[in-house]
Amino acid sequence: MNKKELAKFRRTLEEKRRDLAALLKKKEVDLSENEISEDDKVESSIEKNLIFSISSNEESIMEEIGHALKRIEKGSYGNCELCSKNVPEKRLRSLPWVRYCITCQKKAESKK
């Protein structure tokens, strides 16, 4: 992958990380400002659990973005972390933080 392509992926990853950080901060503010009546406690509890679940997923993506940025710095971005083959650019464009090629991703998921 050439320097221009790497720079493009870096910008995309950094933008996504900023967006996720802003979204997580907004959710924290919304939760802390949310006054709950007694009648709404059950519904609110379900809603909070959903928000925490979504936030956990977003935090995982932020962590993966951090790993991807480190791989750019090390020069290994775009290579599968298991088999070292190139991850197809189409896959990187849709999930720029991805660690594995499709074959290795399936193997990793089947072990879970």
N, C-alpha and C. Protein backbone atom coordinates (compact mmCIF):
# COMPACT_ATOMS: atom_id res chain seq x y z
N MET A 1 0.85 -1.17 0.00
CA MET A 1 0.00 0.00 0.00
C MET A 1 0.90 1.24 0.00
N ASN A 2 0.57 2.20 -0.86
CA ASN A 2 1.43 3.38 -0.95
C ASN A 2 1.09 4.40 0.14
N LYS A 3 1.96 5.41 0.26
CA LYS A 3 1.82 6.40 1.33
C LYS A 3 0.52 7.19 1.22
N LYS A 4 0.11 7.48 0.00
CA LYS A 4 -1.13 8.24 -0.21
C LYS A 4 -2.34 7.45 0.29
N GLU A 5 -2.37 6.16 -0.02
CA GLU A 5 -3.48 5.32 0.45
C GLU A 5 -3.46 5.19 1.97
N LEU A 6 -2.28 5.02 2.53
CA LEU A 6 -2.17 4.92 3.99
C LEU A 6 -2.63 6.21 4.67
N ALA A 7 -2.28 7.34 4.10
CA ALA A 7 -2.71 8.62 4.66
C ALA A 7 -4.23 8.74 4.62
N LYS A 8 -4.82 8.26 3.56
CA LYS A 8 -6.28 8.30 3.42
C LYS A 8 -6.93 7.42 4.50
N PHE A 9 -6.40 6.21 4.70
CA PHE A 9 -6.94 5.34 5.73
C PHE A 9 -6.73 5.93 7.12
N ARG A 10 -5.59 6.56 7.35
CA ARG A 10 -5.33 7.20 8.65
C ARG A 10 -6.37 8.29 8.91
N ARG A 11 -6.63 9.13 7.93
CA ARG A 11 -7.64 10.19 8.09
C ARG A 11 -9.01 9.60 8.38
N THR A 12 -9.38 8.55 7.66
CA THR A 12 -10.66 7.90 7.86
C THR A 12 -10.77 7.35 9.28
N LEU A 13 -9.72 6.67 9.73
CA LEU A 13 -9.72 6.09 11.08
C LEU A 13 -9.78 7.17 12.16
N GLU A 14 -9.01 8.23 11.98
CA GLU A 14 -9.00 9.31 12.97
C GLU A 14 -10.36 10.01 13.02
N GLU A 15 -10.98 10.20 11.87
CA GLU A 15 -12.31 10.83 11.83
C GLU A 15 -13.34 9.94 12.52
N LYS A 16 -13.30 8.66 12.26
CA LYS A 16 -14.23 7.73 12.89
C LYS A 16 -14.03 7.71 14.40
N ARG A 17 -12.78 7.75 14.84
CA ARG A 17 -12.49 7.76 16.28
C ARG A 17 -13.05 9.03 16.93
N ARG A 18 -12.87 10.18 16.27
CA ARG A 18 -13.43 11.44 16.79
C ARG A 18 -14.95 11.37 16.88
N ASP A 19 -15.58 10.85 15.83
CA ASP A 19 -17.04 10.73 15.81
C ASP A 19 -17.55 9.84 16.93
N LEU A 20 -16.89 8.70 17.13
CA LEU A 20 -17.30 7.79 18.19
C LEU A 20 -17.09 8.40 19.56
N ALA A 21 -15.98 9.09 19.75
CA ALA A 21 -15.71 9.73 21.03
C ALA A 21 -16.78 10.78 21.34
N ALA A 22 -17.16 11.55 20.35
CA ALA A 22 -18.20 12.57 20.54
C ALA A 22 -19.54 11.91 20.86
N LEU A 23 -19.85 10.83 20.17
CA LEU A 23 -21.11 10.12 20.41
C LEU A 23 -21.15 9.53 21.82
N LEU A 24 -20.05 8.93 22.25
CA LEU A 24 -20.00 8.37 23.60
C LEU A 24 -20.14 9.46 24.66
N LYS A 25 -19.49 10.59 24.43
CA LYS A 25 -19.59 11.69 25.38
C LYS A 25 -21.03 12.21 25.46
N LYS A 26 -21.69 12.30 24.32
CA LYS A 26 -23.08 12.76 24.29
C LYS A 26 -23.98 11.78 25.05
N LYS A 27 -23.75 10.49 24.88
CA LYS A 27 -24.56 9.50 25.59
C LYS A 27 -24.35 9.61 27.09
N GLU A 28 -23.12 9.85 27.52
CA GLU A 28 -22.84 10.01 28.94
C GLU A 28 -23.59 11.22 29.50
N VAL A 29 -23.55 12.32 28.76
CA VAL A 29 -24.24 13.53 29.20
C VAL A 29 -25.75 13.29 29.25
N ASP A 30 -26.28 12.65 28.21
CA ASP A 30 -27.72 12.37 28.17
C ASP A 30 -28.15 11.50 29.34
N LEU A 31 -27.35 10.49 29.67
CA LEU A 31 -27.70 9.62 30.80
C LEU A 31 -27.63 10.35 32.13
N SER A 32 -26.63 11.19 32.28
CA SER A 32 -26.49 11.90 33.56
C SER A 32 -27.55 12.98 33.74
N GLU A 33 -28.07 13.52 32.66
CA GLU A 33 -29.08 14.58 32.74
C GLU A 33 -30.50 14.03 32.76
N ASN A 34 -30.66 12.75 32.54
CA ASN A 34 -31.99 12.15 32.40
C ASN A 34 -32.65 11.98 33.76
N GLU A 35 -33.68 12.78 34.02
CA GLU A 35 -34.48 12.65 35.24
C GLU A 35 -35.52 11.57 34.98
N ILE A 36 -35.69 10.66 35.94
CA ILE A 36 -36.58 9.52 35.75
C ILE A 36 -37.69 9.54 36.78
N SER A 37 -38.92 9.44 36.30
CA SER A 37 -40.05 9.31 37.23
C SER A 37 -40.18 7.84 37.63
N GLU A 38 -40.91 7.59 38.69
CA GLU A 38 -41.10 6.20 39.17
C GLU A 38 -41.75 5.33 38.10
N ASP A 39 -42.70 5.87 37.34
CA ASP A 39 -43.41 5.10 36.32
C ASP A 39 -42.49 4.69 35.16
N ASP A 40 -41.45 5.45 34.94
CA ASP A 40 -40.58 5.19 33.79
C ASP A 40 -39.32 4.40 34.14
N LYS A 41 -39.17 3.95 35.38
CA LYS A 41 -37.93 3.31 35.80
C LYS A 41 -37.64 2.02 35.03
N VAL A 42 -38.66 1.18 34.82
CA VAL A 42 -38.42 -0.09 34.12
C VAL A 42 -38.04 0.18 32.67
N GLU A 43 -38.79 1.02 32.02
CA GLU A 43 -38.47 1.37 30.63
C GLU A 43 -37.10 2.01 30.53
N SER A 44 -36.80 2.87 31.48
CA SER A 44 -35.51 3.54 31.49
C SER A 44 -34.37 2.55 31.71
N SER A 45 -34.59 1.57 32.56
CA SER A 45 -33.56 0.55 32.82
C SER A 45 -33.25 -0.23 31.56
N ILE A 46 -34.26 -0.61 30.83
CA ILE A 46 -34.07 -1.33 29.56
C ILE A 46 -33.32 -0.44 28.57
N GLU A 47 -33.72 0.80 28.50
CA GLU A 47 -33.08 1.75 27.59
C GLU A 47 -31.61 1.96 27.96
N LYS A 48 -31.31 2.08 29.25
CA LYS A 48 -29.93 2.25 29.70
C LYS A 48 -29.09 1.02 29.35
N ASN A 49 -29.65 -0.17 29.56
CA ASN A 49 -28.91 -1.38 29.21
C ASN A 49 -28.58 -1.41 27.72
N LEU A 50 -29.53 -1.00 26.90
CA LEU A 50 -29.30 -0.96 25.46
C LEU A 50 -28.21 0.06 25.13
N ILE A 51 -28.27 1.22 25.74
CA ILE A 51 -27.27 2.26 25.50
C ILE A 51 -25.88 1.78 25.94
N PHE A 52 -25.80 1.12 27.10
CA PHE A 52 -24.51 0.60 27.56
C PHE A 52 -23.98 -0.46 26.61
N SER A 53 -24.87 -1.30 26.09
CA SER A 53 -24.47 -2.34 25.15
C SER A 53 -23.92 -1.71 23.87
N ILE A 54 -24.62 -0.72 23.36
CA ILE A 54 -24.17 -0.02 22.15
C ILE A 54 -22.85 0.70 22.44
N SER A 55 -22.75 1.33 23.59
CA SER A 55 -21.53 2.05 23.95
C SER A 55 -20.35 1.09 24.06
N SER A 56 -20.59 -0.09 24.59
CA SER A 56 -19.52 -1.09 24.69
C SER A 56 -19.02 -1.47 23.30
N ASN A 57 -19.93 -1.63 22.36
CA ASN A 57 -19.53 -1.95 20.98
C ASN A 57 -18.74 -0.80 20.38
N GLU A 58 -19.17 0.42 20.62
CA GLU A 58 -18.46 1.58 20.10
C GLU A 58 -17.07 1.70 20.72
N GLU A 59 -16.96 1.39 22.01
CA GLU A 59 -15.65 1.42 22.67
C GLU A 59 -14.72 0.35 22.08
N SER A 60 -15.29 -0.81 21.75
CA SER A 60 -14.49 -1.86 21.11
C SER A 60 -13.98 -1.41 19.75
N ILE A 61 -14.84 -0.73 19.00
CA ILE A 61 -14.42 -0.22 17.69
C ILE A 61 -13.33 0.83 17.86
N MET A 62 -13.48 1.69 18.88
CA MET A 62 -12.43 2.70 19.12
C MET A 62 -11.10 2.04 19.44
N GLU A 63 -11.14 0.95 20.20
CA GLU A 63 -9.93 0.22 20.52
C GLU A 63 -9.31 -0.38 19.25
N GLU A 64 -10.16 -0.94 18.40
CA GLU A 64 -9.68 -1.51 17.14
C GLU A 64 -9.09 -0.43 16.23
N ILE A 65 -9.69 0.76 16.25
CA ILE A 65 -9.16 1.87 15.47
C ILE A 65 -7.76 2.24 15.98
N GLY A 66 -7.59 2.26 17.30
CA GLY A 66 -6.27 2.53 17.86
C GLY A 66 -5.23 1.51 17.41
N HIS A 67 -5.63 0.23 17.39
CA HIS A 67 -4.72 -0.82 16.90
C HIS A 67 -4.39 -0.61 15.42
N ALA A 68 -5.39 -0.23 14.64
CA ALA A 68 -5.17 -0.01 13.21
C ALA A 68 -4.20 1.15 12.99
N LEU A 69 -4.34 2.22 13.76
CA LEU A 69 -3.43 3.36 13.64
C LEU A 69 -2.00 2.96 14.01
N LYS A 70 -1.86 2.09 15.00
CA LYS A 70 -0.52 1.60 15.37
C LYS A 70 0.06 0.74 14.24
N ARG A 71 -0.80 -0.05 13.58
CA ARG A 71 -0.31 -0.87 12.46
C ARG A 71 0.14 0.02 11.30
N ILE A 72 -0.53 1.14 11.11
CA ILE A 72 -0.08 2.09 10.07
C ILE A 72 1.32 2.57 10.43
N GLU A 73 1.52 2.96 11.69
CA GLU A 73 2.83 3.45 12.13
C GLU A 73 3.92 2.39 11.97
N LYS A 74 3.59 1.13 12.27
CA LYS A 74 4.57 0.05 12.18
C LYS A 74 4.78 -0.43 10.75
N GLY A 75 3.88 -0.06 9.85
CA GLY A 75 4.02 -0.49 8.46
C GLY A 75 3.36 -1.83 8.16
N SER A 76 2.52 -2.31 9.07
CA SER A 76 1.87 -3.60 8.85
C SER A 76 0.38 -3.47 8.53
N TYR A 77 -0.10 -2.25 8.39
CA TYR A 77 -1.52 -2.03 8.10
C TYR A 77 -1.86 -2.66 6.75
N GLY A 78 -3.00 -3.32 6.72
CA GLY A 78 -3.46 -3.95 5.48
C GLY A 78 -3.05 -5.40 5.35
N ASN A 79 -2.27 -5.88 6.32
CA ASN A 79 -1.88 -7.29 6.34
C ASN A 79 -2.67 -8.00 7.43
N CYS A 80 -3.15 -9.19 7.12
CA CYS A 80 -3.88 -10.01 8.09
C CYS A 80 -2.95 -10.33 9.26
N GLU A 81 -3.43 -10.19 10.47
CA GLU A 81 -2.60 -10.46 11.65
C GLU A 81 -2.38 -11.96 11.89
N LEU A 82 -3.16 -12.81 11.22
CA LEU A 82 -2.96 -14.24 11.40
C LEU A 82 -2.13 -14.87 10.29
N CYS A 83 -2.49 -14.58 9.05
CA CYS A 83 -1.80 -15.25 7.93
C CYS A 83 -0.82 -14.33 7.20
N SER A 84 -0.83 -13.05 7.51
CA SER A 84 0.05 -12.02 6.93
C SER A 84 -0.25 -11.71 5.46
N LYS A 85 -1.31 -12.28 4.90
CA LYS A 85 -1.68 -11.93 3.52
C LYS A 85 -2.32 -10.56 3.51
N ASN A 86 -2.35 -9.93 2.33
CA ASN A 86 -2.99 -8.64 2.21
C ASN A 86 -4.50 -8.77 2.41
N VAL A 87 -5.05 -7.86 3.21
CA VAL A 87 -6.49 -7.76 3.36
C VAL A 87 -6.99 -6.99 2.15
N PRO A 88 -7.99 -7.49 1.44
CA PRO A 88 -8.47 -6.78 0.25
C PRO A 88 -8.86 -5.33 0.56
N GLU A 89 -8.50 -4.44 -0.33
CA GLU A 89 -8.76 -3.01 -0.11
C GLU A 89 -10.26 -2.74 0.06
N LYS A 90 -11.08 -3.47 -0.64
CA LYS A 90 -12.54 -3.31 -0.51
C LYS A 90 -12.96 -3.56 0.94
N ARG A 91 -12.37 -4.57 1.57
CA ARG A 91 -12.68 -4.87 2.97
C ARG A 91 -12.18 -3.75 3.88
N LEU A 92 -10.98 -3.25 3.61
CA LEU A 92 -10.44 -2.15 4.41
C LEU A 92 -11.26 -0.87 4.26
N ARG A 93 -11.78 -0.63 3.08
CA ARG A 93 -12.61 0.57 2.88
C ARG A 93 -13.89 0.49 3.69
N SER A 94 -14.47 -0.71 3.81
CA SER A 94 -15.72 -0.81 4.56
C SER A 94 -15.48 -0.92 6.07
N LEU A 95 -14.39 -1.56 6.48
CA LEU A 95 -14.02 -1.70 7.89
C LEU A 95 -12.54 -1.38 8.03
N PRO A 96 -12.17 -0.12 8.04
CA PRO A 96 -10.74 0.23 8.00
C PRO A 96 -9.94 -0.24 9.22
N TRP A 97 -10.61 -0.65 10.28
CA TRP A 97 -9.92 -1.12 11.48
C TRP A 97 -9.77 -2.64 11.51
N VAL A 98 -10.22 -3.32 10.48
CA VAL A 98 -10.22 -4.78 10.46
C VAL A 98 -8.81 -5.34 10.60
N ARG A 99 -8.68 -6.44 11.33
CA ARG A 99 -7.38 -7.06 11.59
C ARG A 99 -7.08 -8.25 10.69
N TYR A 100 -8.14 -8.90 10.21
CA TYR A 100 -7.97 -10.17 9.52
C TYR A 100 -8.58 -10.17 8.12
N CYS A 101 -8.04 -11.03 7.28
CA CYS A 101 -8.68 -11.30 6.00
C CYS A 101 -9.97 -12.07 6.28
N ILE A 102 -10.81 -12.22 5.30
CA ILE A 102 -12.11 -12.87 5.52
C ILE A 102 -11.93 -14.31 6.00
N THR A 103 -11.02 -15.04 5.40
CA THR A 103 -10.80 -16.43 5.79
C THR A 103 -10.41 -16.54 7.26
N CYS A 104 -9.46 -15.74 7.69
CA CYS A 104 -9.01 -15.79 9.08
C CYS A 104 -10.08 -15.23 10.03
N GLN A 105 -10.86 -14.25 9.57
CA GLN A 105 -11.95 -13.71 10.39
C GLN A 105 -12.96 -14.82 10.70
N LYS A 106 -13.29 -15.61 9.68
CA LYS A 106 -14.23 -16.72 9.89
C LYS A 106 -13.65 -17.73 10.88
N LYS A 107 -12.37 -18.02 10.77
CA LYS A 107 -11.72 -18.95 11.70
C LYS A 107 -11.78 -18.39 13.13
N ALA A 108 -11.48 -17.10 13.28
CA ALA A 108 -11.48 -16.47 14.60
C ALA A 108 -12.88 -16.48 15.21
N GLU A 109 -13.90 -16.22 14.39
CA GLU A 109 -15.27 -16.21 14.89
C GLU A 109 -15.76 -17.60 15.25
N SER A 110 -15.30 -18.62 14.53
CA SER A 110 -15.75 -19.98 14.82
C SER A 110 -15.15 -20.51 16.13
N LYS A 111 -14.07 -19.91 16.59
CA LYS A 111 -13.44 -20.31 17.85
C LYS A 111 -14.15 -19.72 19.06
N LYS A 112 -14.97 -18.71 18.84
CA LYS A 112 -15.67 -18.04 19.96
C LYS A 112 -16.81 -18.84 20.47
